[in-house]
Amino acid sequence: MAKQHELRRTDGRVICERCTLADHAPSRLKGLLGRDSLPSGEGILLRPAGSVHTWLMRFPIDVVFLDRELTVLDVVPELVPWKTAGKRGAKAVLELPAGEAARRGLEAGDRLELAAA
């Protein structure tokens, strides 16, 4: 099982309590495929990544594009299955449950950091 991290803003506000870091090709390739849902508080950080797809997925997700320093570049809310999304300059992508980015007040310009859970 992949190690879980807490992902939070640099001001300390938690964005994702149980964030899985997918920083190797096999873990990025698998992503959320095969899952039936993504509960609130969970997410996956794909690094490196500048785009994602939701082919073969069973549920919508929020997609957060980040630069190398984990600054939010863009948020794509509720990306439904069988779609793609990308952002020029993105070096990482955070996948969250649909609606979670809005619930957590996540927006472009926010700076994030990873901490061991």
N, C-alpha and C. Protein backbone atom coordinates (compact mmCIF):
# COMPACT_ATOMS: atom_id res chain seq x y z
N MET A 1 0.85 -1.19 0.00
CA MET A 1 0.00 0.00 0.00
C MET A 1 0.89 1.25 0.00
N ALA A 2 0.50 2.24 -0.77
CA ALA A 2 1.26 3.48 -0.87
C ALA A 2 1.16 4.28 0.43
N LYS A 3 2.22 5.01 0.72
CA LYS A 3 2.25 5.82 1.93
C LYS A 3 1.28 6.98 1.82
N GLN A 4 0.58 7.25 2.91
CA GLN A 4 -0.38 8.34 2.98
C GLN A 4 0.30 9.60 3.54
N HIS A 5 -0.10 10.74 3.01
CA HIS A 5 0.40 12.03 3.47
C HIS A 5 -0.79 12.93 3.78
N GLU A 6 -0.54 13.97 4.52
CA GLU A 6 -1.52 15.03 4.70
C GLU A 6 -1.09 16.15 3.76
N LEU A 7 -2.03 16.68 3.01
CA LEU A 7 -1.76 17.80 2.11
C LEU A 7 -2.50 19.00 2.66
N ARG A 8 -1.77 20.08 2.86
CA ARG A 8 -2.39 21.28 3.44
C ARG A 8 -1.84 22.53 2.77
N ARG A 9 -2.57 23.63 2.95
CA ARG A 9 -2.07 24.92 2.52
C ARG A 9 -0.91 25.30 3.41
N THR A 10 -0.09 26.22 2.92
CA THR A 10 1.04 26.67 3.74
C THR A 10 0.56 27.43 4.98
N ASP A 11 -0.73 27.85 5.01
CA ASP A 11 -1.27 28.50 6.21
C ASP A 11 -1.78 27.47 7.23
N GLY A 12 -1.63 26.17 6.91
CA GLY A 12 -2.01 25.11 7.84
C GLY A 12 -3.37 24.49 7.60
N ARG A 13 -4.21 25.09 6.78
CA ARG A 13 -5.55 24.53 6.52
C ARG A 13 -5.42 23.26 5.70
N VAL A 14 -6.02 22.18 6.19
CA VAL A 14 -5.91 20.87 5.56
C VAL A 14 -6.78 20.80 4.30
N ILE A 15 -6.18 20.29 3.23
CA ILE A 15 -6.89 20.08 1.96
C ILE A 15 -7.27 18.61 1.80
N CYS A 16 -6.37 17.71 2.21
CA CYS A 16 -6.58 16.28 2.03
C CYS A 16 -5.90 15.54 3.18
N GLU A 17 -6.70 14.89 4.03
CA GLU A 17 -6.14 14.19 5.19
C GLU A 17 -5.36 12.93 4.81
N ARG A 18 -5.82 12.24 3.78
CA ARG A 18 -5.20 10.98 3.36
C ARG A 18 -4.87 11.06 1.87
N CYS A 19 -3.74 11.65 1.56
CA CYS A 19 -3.33 11.84 0.18
C CYS A 19 -2.26 10.81 -0.18
N THR A 20 -2.52 10.03 -1.20
CA THR A 20 -1.56 9.05 -1.69
C THR A 20 -0.67 9.71 -2.72
N LEU A 21 0.63 9.56 -2.57
CA LEU A 21 1.59 10.11 -3.52
C LEU A 21 1.89 9.07 -4.59
N ALA A 22 1.56 9.38 -5.83
CA ALA A 22 1.84 8.51 -6.97
C ALA A 22 2.97 9.15 -7.76
N ASP A 23 4.20 8.77 -7.41
CA ASP A 23 5.37 9.41 -8.03
C ASP A 23 6.23 8.42 -8.82
N HIS A 24 5.66 7.26 -9.14
CA HIS A 24 6.32 6.28 -10.01
C HIS A 24 5.35 5.90 -11.12
N ALA A 25 5.86 5.53 -12.27
CA ALA A 25 5.02 5.24 -13.43
C ALA A 25 3.88 4.26 -13.12
N PRO A 26 4.11 3.12 -12.47
CA PRO A 26 3.00 2.20 -12.22
C PRO A 26 1.88 2.81 -11.36
N SER A 27 2.26 3.56 -10.32
CA SER A 27 1.24 4.16 -9.46
C SER A 27 0.49 5.28 -10.17
N ARG A 28 1.18 6.06 -11.02
CA ARG A 28 0.49 7.11 -11.78
C ARG A 28 -0.44 6.49 -12.81
N LEU A 29 0.00 5.40 -13.43
CA LEU A 29 -0.81 4.73 -14.44
C LEU A 29 -2.10 4.19 -13.84
N LYS A 30 -2.01 3.60 -12.66
CA LYS A 30 -3.20 3.04 -12.00
C LYS A 30 -4.11 4.15 -11.50
N GLY A 31 -3.52 5.15 -10.85
CA GLY A 31 -4.34 6.26 -10.33
C GLY A 31 -5.54 5.78 -9.54
N LEU A 32 -6.72 6.22 -9.95
CA LEU A 32 -7.97 5.85 -9.27
C LEU A 32 -8.73 4.76 -10.02
N LEU A 33 -8.14 4.20 -11.06
CA LEU A 33 -8.83 3.17 -11.84
C LEU A 33 -9.16 1.97 -10.96
N GLY A 34 -10.34 1.41 -11.16
CA GLY A 34 -10.77 0.24 -10.42
C GLY A 34 -11.50 0.57 -9.13
N ARG A 35 -11.52 1.83 -8.74
CA ARG A 35 -12.23 2.21 -7.51
C ARG A 35 -13.67 2.59 -7.84
N ASP A 36 -14.54 2.41 -6.87
CA ASP A 36 -15.95 2.77 -7.03
C ASP A 36 -16.25 4.17 -6.53
N SER A 37 -15.36 4.72 -5.71
CA SER A 37 -15.59 6.05 -5.15
C SER A 37 -14.29 6.57 -4.56
N LEU A 38 -14.33 7.82 -4.17
CA LEU A 38 -13.23 8.46 -3.47
C LEU A 38 -13.85 9.24 -2.32
N PRO A 39 -13.71 8.74 -1.09
CA PRO A 39 -14.34 9.40 0.06
C PRO A 39 -13.74 10.78 0.36
N SER A 40 -14.51 11.62 1.00
CA SER A 40 -14.04 12.91 1.45
C SER A 40 -12.81 12.70 2.34
N GLY A 41 -11.81 13.56 2.15
CA GLY A 41 -10.59 13.45 2.94
C GLY A 41 -9.51 12.63 2.27
N GLU A 42 -9.85 11.95 1.16
CA GLU A 42 -8.87 11.17 0.43
C GLU A 42 -8.57 11.83 -0.90
N GLY A 43 -7.38 11.53 -1.43
CA GLY A 43 -6.99 12.05 -2.73
C GLY A 43 -5.72 11.37 -3.20
N ILE A 44 -5.32 11.70 -4.40
CA ILE A 44 -4.08 11.17 -4.95
C ILE A 44 -3.33 12.30 -5.64
N LEU A 45 -2.04 12.38 -5.36
CA LEU A 45 -1.18 13.40 -5.96
C LEU A 45 -0.29 12.71 -6.98
N LEU A 46 -0.52 13.02 -8.25
CA LEU A 46 0.25 12.45 -9.35
C LEU A 46 1.39 13.40 -9.68
N ARG A 47 2.63 12.86 -9.60
CA ARG A 47 3.79 13.71 -9.83
C ARG A 47 4.92 12.90 -10.45
N PRO A 48 5.42 13.25 -11.59
CA PRO A 48 5.05 14.40 -12.43
C PRO A 48 3.80 14.10 -13.26
N ALA A 49 3.04 15.13 -13.54
CA ALA A 49 1.86 15.02 -14.40
C ALA A 49 1.40 16.42 -14.77
N GLY A 50 0.96 16.58 -16.01
CA GLY A 50 0.43 17.85 -16.46
C GLY A 50 -0.97 17.73 -17.01
N SER A 51 -1.44 16.47 -17.09
CA SER A 51 -2.79 16.21 -17.58
C SER A 51 -3.27 14.89 -16.99
N VAL A 52 -4.58 14.68 -17.06
CA VAL A 52 -5.20 13.44 -16.58
C VAL A 52 -6.33 13.06 -17.51
N HIS A 53 -6.75 11.81 -17.38
CA HIS A 53 -7.96 11.36 -18.07
C HIS A 53 -8.82 10.59 -17.06
N THR A 54 -10.09 10.51 -17.35
CA THR A 54 -11.00 9.75 -16.49
C THR A 54 -11.61 8.58 -17.27
N TRP A 55 -10.89 8.10 -18.27
CA TRP A 55 -11.35 6.93 -19.01
C TRP A 55 -11.45 5.75 -18.06
N LEU A 56 -12.50 4.99 -18.20
CA LEU A 56 -12.75 3.79 -17.40
C LEU A 56 -13.05 4.07 -15.93
N MET A 57 -13.15 5.33 -15.54
CA MET A 57 -13.49 5.65 -14.16
C MET A 57 -15.00 5.58 -13.97
N ARG A 58 -15.42 5.43 -12.73
CA ARG A 58 -16.84 5.23 -12.41
C ARG A 58 -17.49 6.41 -11.71
N PHE A 59 -16.72 7.49 -11.51
CA PHE A 59 -17.25 8.63 -10.75
C PHE A 59 -16.50 9.90 -11.14
N PRO A 60 -17.11 11.07 -10.95
CA PRO A 60 -16.43 12.33 -11.25
C PRO A 60 -15.44 12.69 -10.15
N ILE A 61 -14.47 13.53 -10.50
CA ILE A 61 -13.46 13.99 -9.54
C ILE A 61 -13.17 15.47 -9.76
N ASP A 62 -12.64 16.11 -8.74
CA ASP A 62 -12.06 17.44 -8.89
C ASP A 62 -10.59 17.25 -9.25
N VAL A 63 -10.10 18.05 -10.19
CA VAL A 63 -8.71 17.95 -10.64
C VAL A 63 -8.04 19.29 -10.36
N VAL A 64 -6.93 19.23 -9.61
CA VAL A 64 -6.20 20.43 -9.22
C VAL A 64 -4.82 20.37 -9.86
N PHE A 65 -4.51 21.33 -10.72
CA PHE A 65 -3.21 21.39 -11.40
C PHE A 65 -2.26 22.24 -10.57
N LEU A 66 -1.05 21.71 -10.37
CA LEU A 66 -0.06 22.35 -9.51
C LEU A 66 1.25 22.55 -10.25
N ASP A 67 2.00 23.58 -9.85
CA ASP A 67 3.34 23.76 -10.42
C ASP A 67 4.34 22.95 -9.59
N ARG A 68 5.61 23.10 -9.89
CA ARG A 68 6.67 22.32 -9.22
C ARG A 68 6.70 22.56 -7.71
N GLU A 69 6.33 23.75 -7.27
CA GLU A 69 6.36 24.10 -5.85
C GLU A 69 5.01 23.83 -5.17
N LEU A 70 4.11 23.15 -5.86
CA LEU A 70 2.77 22.82 -5.36
C LEU A 70 1.87 24.04 -5.17
N THR A 71 2.04 25.03 -6.03
CA THR A 71 1.12 26.17 -6.08
C THR A 71 0.00 25.82 -7.05
N VAL A 72 -1.23 26.08 -6.65
CA VAL A 72 -2.38 25.75 -7.49
C VAL A 72 -2.40 26.66 -8.71
N LEU A 73 -2.42 26.04 -9.89
CA LEU A 73 -2.53 26.78 -11.15
C LEU A 73 -3.98 26.88 -11.62
N ASP A 74 -4.74 25.81 -11.41
CA ASP A 74 -6.13 25.76 -11.89
C ASP A 74 -6.85 24.63 -11.19
N VAL A 75 -8.16 24.77 -11.07
CA VAL A 75 -9.02 23.73 -10.50
C VAL A 75 -10.10 23.41 -11.52
N VAL A 76 -10.22 22.14 -11.88
CA VAL A 76 -11.29 21.68 -12.77
C VAL A 76 -12.26 20.89 -11.90
N PRO A 77 -13.42 21.49 -11.60
CA PRO A 77 -14.37 20.80 -10.72
C PRO A 77 -15.17 19.74 -11.47
N GLU A 78 -15.42 18.64 -10.76
CA GLU A 78 -16.34 17.60 -11.20
C GLU A 78 -16.10 17.12 -12.63
N LEU A 79 -14.87 16.72 -12.93
CA LEU A 79 -14.54 16.13 -14.22
C LEU A 79 -15.17 14.75 -14.28
N VAL A 80 -16.08 14.56 -15.22
CA VAL A 80 -16.84 13.31 -15.32
C VAL A 80 -16.04 12.23 -16.04
N PRO A 81 -16.45 10.96 -15.89
CA PRO A 81 -15.77 9.87 -16.60
C PRO A 81 -15.72 10.10 -18.11
N TRP A 82 -14.67 9.58 -18.70
CA TRP A 82 -14.41 9.60 -20.14
C TRP A 82 -14.01 10.97 -20.68
N LYS A 83 -13.43 11.81 -19.83
CA LYS A 83 -12.95 13.13 -20.24
C LYS A 83 -11.46 13.26 -19.95
N THR A 84 -10.85 14.31 -20.50
CA THR A 84 -9.46 14.63 -20.22
C THR A 84 -9.37 16.08 -19.77
N ALA A 85 -8.29 16.40 -19.06
CA ALA A 85 -8.03 17.77 -18.65
C ALA A 85 -6.52 17.94 -18.52
N GLY A 86 -6.05 19.12 -18.84
CA GLY A 86 -4.63 19.42 -18.72
C GLY A 86 -4.43 20.91 -18.51
N LYS A 87 -3.22 21.27 -18.08
CA LYS A 87 -2.89 22.67 -17.86
C LYS A 87 -1.43 22.89 -18.21
N ARG A 88 -1.18 23.79 -19.12
CA ARG A 88 0.19 24.12 -19.51
C ARG A 88 0.96 24.60 -18.27
N GLY A 89 2.14 24.07 -18.09
CA GLY A 89 2.98 24.45 -16.96
C GLY A 89 2.78 23.60 -15.71
N ALA A 90 1.74 22.76 -15.69
CA ALA A 90 1.50 21.92 -14.52
C ALA A 90 2.57 20.84 -14.43
N LYS A 91 3.04 20.59 -13.23
CA LYS A 91 4.04 19.55 -12.96
C LYS A 91 3.48 18.46 -12.07
N ALA A 92 2.29 18.69 -11.49
CA ALA A 92 1.64 17.70 -10.62
C ALA A 92 0.13 17.91 -10.72
N VAL A 93 -0.60 16.84 -10.43
CA VAL A 93 -2.06 16.90 -10.45
C VAL A 93 -2.59 16.24 -9.18
N LEU A 94 -3.48 16.93 -8.50
CA LEU A 94 -4.16 16.41 -7.32
C LEU A 94 -5.57 16.02 -7.73
N GLU A 95 -5.94 14.77 -7.48
CA GLU A 95 -7.30 14.30 -7.74
C GLU A 95 -8.02 14.16 -6.41
N LEU A 96 -9.17 14.83 -6.31
CA LEU A 96 -9.98 14.85 -5.10
C LEU A 96 -11.41 14.40 -5.41
N PRO A 97 -12.19 14.03 -4.39
CA PRO A 97 -13.60 13.73 -4.64
C PRO A 97 -14.31 14.93 -5.26
N ALA A 98 -15.27 14.68 -6.12
CA ALA A 98 -16.03 15.76 -6.75
C ALA A 98 -16.63 16.68 -5.69
N GLY A 99 -16.41 17.98 -5.84
CA GLY A 99 -16.92 18.98 -4.92
C GLY A 99 -15.99 19.31 -3.76
N GLU A 100 -14.95 18.50 -3.57
CA GLU A 100 -14.05 18.69 -2.43
C GLU A 100 -13.24 19.98 -2.53
N ALA A 101 -12.78 20.34 -3.71
CA ALA A 101 -12.00 21.57 -3.86
C ALA A 101 -12.82 22.78 -3.41
N ALA A 102 -14.08 22.84 -3.80
CA ALA A 102 -14.94 23.95 -3.38
C ALA A 102 -15.20 23.90 -1.87
N ARG A 103 -15.46 22.71 -1.33
CA ARG A 103 -15.71 22.57 0.11
C ARG A 103 -14.51 23.05 0.93
N ARG A 104 -13.31 22.82 0.40
CA ARG A 104 -12.09 23.21 1.12
C ARG A 104 -11.62 24.62 0.75
N GLY A 105 -12.34 25.28 -0.17
CA GLY A 105 -11.99 26.65 -0.56
C GLY A 105 -10.70 26.73 -1.36
N LEU A 106 -10.37 25.67 -2.09
CA LEU A 106 -9.13 25.62 -2.85
C LEU A 106 -9.27 26.43 -4.13
N GLU A 107 -8.27 27.29 -4.41
CA GLU A 107 -8.33 28.12 -5.61
C GLU A 107 -6.93 28.43 -6.13
N ALA A 108 -6.87 28.91 -7.37
CA ALA A 108 -5.60 29.25 -8.00
C ALA A 108 -4.82 30.21 -7.11
N GLY A 109 -3.51 29.96 -7.00
CA GLY A 109 -2.64 30.79 -6.16
C GLY A 109 -2.36 30.20 -4.80
N ASP A 110 -3.21 29.27 -4.33
CA ASP A 110 -2.95 28.63 -3.03
C ASP A 110 -1.66 27.82 -3.11
N ARG A 111 -0.86 27.90 -2.06
CA ARG A 111 0.38 27.12 -1.98
C ARG A 111 0.15 25.95 -1.03
N LEU A 112 0.54 24.75 -1.50
CA LEU A 112 0.31 23.54 -0.72
C LEU A 112 1.64 22.93 -0.29
N GLU A 113 1.55 22.04 0.72
CA GLU A 113 2.71 21.30 1.18
C GLU A 113 2.29 19.92 1.66
N LEU A 114 3.18 18.95 1.48
CA LEU A 114 2.94 17.57 1.93
C LEU A 114 3.57 17.36 3.30
N ALA A 115 2.89 16.62 4.14
CA ALA A 115 3.45 16.24 5.44
C ALA A 115 3.11 14.77 5.67
N ALA A 116 3.97 14.04 6.34
CA ALA A 116 3.69 12.64 6.65
C ALA A 116 2.44 12.57 7.51
N ALA A 117 1.56 11.64 7.20
CA ALA A 117 0.31 11.50 7.96
C ALA A 117 0.56 10.80 9.28
